[in-house]
Amino acid sequence: MAQLEGRLAEMRAAQETQRAEVNGRRQAAEGVRQARLAERDAMAGSVNRALRQRYERLRTVKLTRVVMALDGAACSACFTTVPLNRRNQIRAGTLIDACESCGVILFAPEEIE
């Protein structure tokens, strides 16, 4: 048992520099993450509260994207056809709506000329 503990101590000592490097990278990544979260929160303040809550709720339960573009007449996430009236309202920018089938928030992509 003492031999195994000695071996473990040797392995930990050998990994000390790598562990310090990993911890340094982790702290740097955490700093970047905190900065990005602060930027996100500042931008989110300009979004309608109900829409932001819907987005956050979807983000917590879905593993995929929660904001998807209309793909022609359909949702680009599940390819379910969106009714023409809703499609036109989404394209006109008068409605931000969710897909009836999969629940993602739909938007109209900008037309490329």
C-alpha atoms as a PDB file:
ATOM      1  CA  MET A   1       0.000   0.000   0.000  1.00  0.00           C
ATOM      2  CA  ALA A   2       2.821   2.407   0.849  1.00  0.00           C
ATOM      3  CA  GLN A   3       4.405   1.572  -2.491  1.00  0.00           C
ATOM      4  CA  LEU A   4       1.196   2.589  -4.328  1.00  0.00           C
ATOM      5  CA  GLU A   5       0.944   5.820  -2.368  1.00  0.00           C
ATOM      6  CA  GLY A   6       4.570   6.594  -3.225  1.00  0.00           C
ATOM      7  CA  ARG A   7       3.872   5.934  -6.896  1.00  0.00           C
ATOM      8  CA  LEU A   8       0.802   8.187  -6.756  1.00  0.00           C
ATOM      9  CA  ALA A   9       2.862  10.988  -5.174  1.00  0.00           C
ATOM     10  CA  GLU A  10       5.477  10.613  -7.953  1.00  0.00           C
ATOM     11  CA  MET A  11       2.779  10.836 -10.637  1.00  0.00           C
ATOM     12  CA  ARG A  12       1.260  13.926  -9.046  1.00  0.00           C
ATOM     13  CA  ALA A  13       4.680  15.579  -8.848  1.00  0.00           C
ATOM     14  CA  ALA A  14       5.351  14.739 -12.508  1.00  0.00           C
ATOM     15  CA  GLN A  15       2.031  16.286 -13.509  1.00  0.00           C
ATOM     16  CA  GLU A  16       2.457  19.447 -11.452  1.00  0.00           C
ATOM     17  CA  THR A  17       3.565  21.647 -14.371  1.00  0.00           C
ATOM     18  CA  GLN A  18       0.805  20.364 -16.651  1.00  0.00           C
ATOM     19  CA  ARG A  19      -1.798  20.907 -13.930  1.00  0.00           C
ATOM     20  CA  ALA A  20      -0.589  24.474 -13.407  1.00  0.00           C
ATOM     21  CA  GLU A  21      -0.775  25.090 -17.165  1.00  0.00           C
ATOM     22  CA  VAL A  22      -4.296  23.660 -17.362  1.00  0.00           C
ATOM     23  CA  ASN A  23      -5.397  25.762 -14.382  1.00  0.00           C
ATOM     24  CA  GLY A  24      -3.957  28.880 -16.024  1.00  0.00           C
ATOM     25  CA  ARG A  25      -5.824  28.159 -19.266  1.00  0.00           C
ATOM     26  CA  ARG A  26      -8.992  27.442 -17.288  1.00  0.00           C
ATOM     27  CA  GLN A  27      -8.748  30.767 -15.465  1.00  0.00           C
ATOM     28  CA  ALA A  28      -8.134  32.609 -18.755  1.00  0.00           C
ATOM     29  CA  ALA A  29     -11.128  30.884 -20.352  1.00  0.00           C
ATOM     30  CA  GLU A  30     -13.277  31.733 -17.338  1.00  0.00           C
ATOM     31  CA  GLY A  31     -12.260  35.388 -17.660  1.00  0.00           C
ATOM     32  CA  VAL A  32     -13.262  35.394 -21.334  1.00  0.00           C
ATOM     33  CA  ARG A  33     -16.533  33.642 -20.450  1.00  0.00           C
ATOM     34  CA  GLN A  34     -17.376  36.229 -17.794  1.00  0.00           C
ATOM     35  CA  ALA A  35     -16.666  39.064 -20.242  1.00  0.00           C
ATOM     36  CA  ARG A  36     -18.902  37.458 -22.882  1.00  0.00           C
ATOM     37  CA  LEU A  37     -21.683  36.906 -20.339  1.00  0.00           C
ATOM     38  CA  ALA A  38     -21.506  40.567 -19.349  1.00  0.00           C
ATOM     39  CA  GLU A  39     -21.755  41.581 -23.033  1.00  0.00           C
ATOM     40  CA  ARG A  40     -24.682  39.189 -23.504  1.00  0.00           C
ATOM     41  CA  ASP A  41     -26.514  40.581 -20.482  1.00  0.00           C
ATOM     42  CA  ALA A  42     -26.012  44.139 -21.727  1.00  0.00           C
ATOM     43  CA  MET A  43     -27.433  43.236 -25.137  1.00  0.00           C
ATOM     44  CA  ALA A  44     -30.272  41.185 -23.654  1.00  0.00           C
ATOM     45  CA  GLY A  45     -31.499  44.265 -21.834  1.00  0.00           C
ATOM     46  CA  SER A  46     -32.767  45.680 -25.135  1.00  0.00           C
ATOM     47  CA  VAL A  47     -34.808  42.552 -25.966  1.00  0.00           C
ATOM     48  CA  ASN A  48     -38.485  42.246 -25.053  1.00  0.00           C
ATOM     49  CA  ARG A  49     -38.729  40.586 -21.625  1.00  0.00           C
ATOM     50  CA  ALA A  50     -41.296  37.932 -22.662  1.00  0.00           C
ATOM     51  CA  LEU A  51     -39.245  36.963 -25.702  1.00  0.00           C
ATOM     52  CA  ARG A  52     -36.061  36.783 -23.622  1.00  0.00           C
ATOM     53  CA  GLN A  53     -37.797  34.520 -21.085  1.00  0.00           C
ATOM     54  CA  ARG A  54     -39.047  32.238 -23.863  1.00  0.00           C
ATOM     55  CA  TYR A  55     -35.519  32.063 -25.285  1.00  0.00           C
ATOM     56  CA  GLU A  56     -33.978  31.256 -21.900  1.00  0.00           C
ATOM     57  CA  ARG A  57     -36.596  28.582 -21.214  1.00  0.00           C
ATOM     58  CA  LEU A  58     -35.930  26.938 -24.590  1.00  0.00           C
ATOM     59  CA  ARG A  59     -32.166  27.132 -24.042  1.00  0.00           C
ATOM     60  CA  THR A  60     -32.430  25.216 -20.781  1.00  0.00           C
ATOM     61  CA  VAL A  61     -34.439  22.327 -22.258  1.00  0.00           C
ATOM     62  CA  LYS A  62     -33.094  22.029 -25.813  1.00  0.00           C
ATOM     63  CA  LEU A  63     -29.691  20.770 -26.805  1.00  0.00           C
ATOM     64  CA  THR A  64     -29.893  22.264 -30.298  1.00  0.00           C
ATOM     65  CA  ARG A  65     -30.318  25.809 -31.549  1.00  0.00           C
ATOM     66  CA  VAL A  66     -33.403  27.603 -30.336  1.00  0.00           C
ATOM     67  CA  VAL A  67     -33.551  30.418 -32.906  1.00  0.00           C
ATOM     68  CA  MET A  68     -33.875  29.189 -36.482  1.00  0.00           C
ATOM     69  CA  ALA A  69     -34.573  30.811 -39.831  1.00  0.00           C
ATOM     70  CA  LEU A  70     -37.528  30.158 -42.034  1.00  0.00           C
ATOM     71  CA  ASP A  71     -36.418  27.921 -44.885  1.00  0.00           C
ATOM     72  CA  GLY A  72     -38.809  28.833 -47.650  1.00  0.00           C
ATOM     73  CA  ALA A  73     -42.197  27.866 -46.245  1.00  0.00           C
ATOM     74  CA  ALA A  74     -40.882  25.716 -43.421  1.00  0.00           C
ATOM     75  CA  CYS A  75     -39.074  25.769 -40.101  1.00  0.00           C
ATOM     76  CA  SER A  76     -35.393  25.057 -40.757  1.00  0.00           C
ATOM     77  CA  ALA A  77     -35.134  22.948 -37.602  1.00  0.00           C
ATOM     78  CA  CYS A  78     -37.905  20.401 -38.188  1.00  0.00           C
ATOM     79  CA  PHE A  79     -39.060  21.274 -41.738  1.00  0.00           C
ATOM     80  CA  THR A  80     -42.686  21.651 -40.679  1.00  0.00           C
ATOM     81  CA  THR A  81     -44.586  24.058 -42.912  1.00  0.00           C
ATOM     82  CA  VAL A  82     -45.432  27.365 -41.262  1.00  0.00           C
ATOM     83  CA  PRO A  83     -48.873  28.780 -42.163  1.00  0.00           C
ATOM     84  CA  LEU A  84     -48.738  31.465 -44.845  1.00  0.00           C
ATOM     85  CA  ASN A  85     -50.172  34.259 -42.659  1.00  0.00           C
ATOM     86  CA  ARG A  86     -47.629  33.654 -39.882  1.00  0.00           C
ATOM     87  CA  ARG A  87     -44.832  33.346 -42.433  1.00  0.00           C
ATOM     88  CA  ASN A  88     -45.721  36.708 -43.942  1.00  0.00           C
ATOM     89  CA  GLN A  89     -45.878  38.351 -40.508  1.00  0.00           C
ATOM     90  CA  ILE A  90     -42.490  36.902 -39.550  1.00  0.00           C
ATOM     91  CA  ARG A  91     -40.971  38.115 -42.833  1.00  0.00           C
ATOM     92  CA  ALA A  92     -42.518  41.572 -42.358  1.00  0.00           C
ATOM     93  CA  GLY A  93     -41.034  41.757 -38.863  1.00  0.00           C
ATOM     94  CA  THR A  94     -44.396  42.236 -37.170  1.00  0.00           C
ATOM     95  CA  LEU A  95     -44.322  38.848 -35.418  1.00  0.00           C
ATOM     96  CA  ILE A  96     -41.718  36.815 -33.590  1.00  0.00           C
ATOM     97  CA  ASP A  97     -43.216  33.371 -33.258  1.00  0.00           C
ATOM     98  CA  ALA A  98     -42.313  29.805 -32.440  1.00  0.00           C
ATOM     99  CA  CYS A  99     -42.661  26.728 -34.609  1.00  0.00           C
ATOM    100  CA  GLU A 100     -45.853  24.827 -33.802  1.00  0.00           C
ATOM    101  CA  SER A 101     -44.029  21.518 -34.050  1.00  0.00           C
ATOM    102  CA  CYS A 102     -40.612  21.857 -32.424  1.00  0.00           C
ATOM    103  CA  GLY A 103     -40.978  25.156 -30.532  1.00  0.00           C
ATOM    104  CA  VAL A 104     -37.907  26.996 -31.856  1.00  0.00           C
ATOM    105  CA  ILE A 105     -38.153  30.761 -32.318  1.00  0.00           C
ATOM    106  CA  LEU A 106     -38.421  31.567 -36.024  1.00  0.00           C
ATOM    107  CA  PHE A 107     -37.008  34.536 -37.896  1.00  0.00           C
ATOM    108  CA  ALA A 108     -36.870  35.516 -41.550  1.00  0.00           C
ATOM    109  CA  PRO A 109     -33.376  35.479 -43.055  1.00  0.00           C
ATOM    110  CA  GLU A 110     -32.299  38.570 -44.932  1.00  0.00           C
ATOM    111  CA  GLU A 111     -32.756  38.313 -48.672  1.00  0.00           C
ATOM    112  CA  ILE A 112     -29.470  38.218 -50.601  1.00  0.00           C
ATOM    113  CA  GLU A 113     -29.676  40.052 -53.927  1.00  0.00           C
END
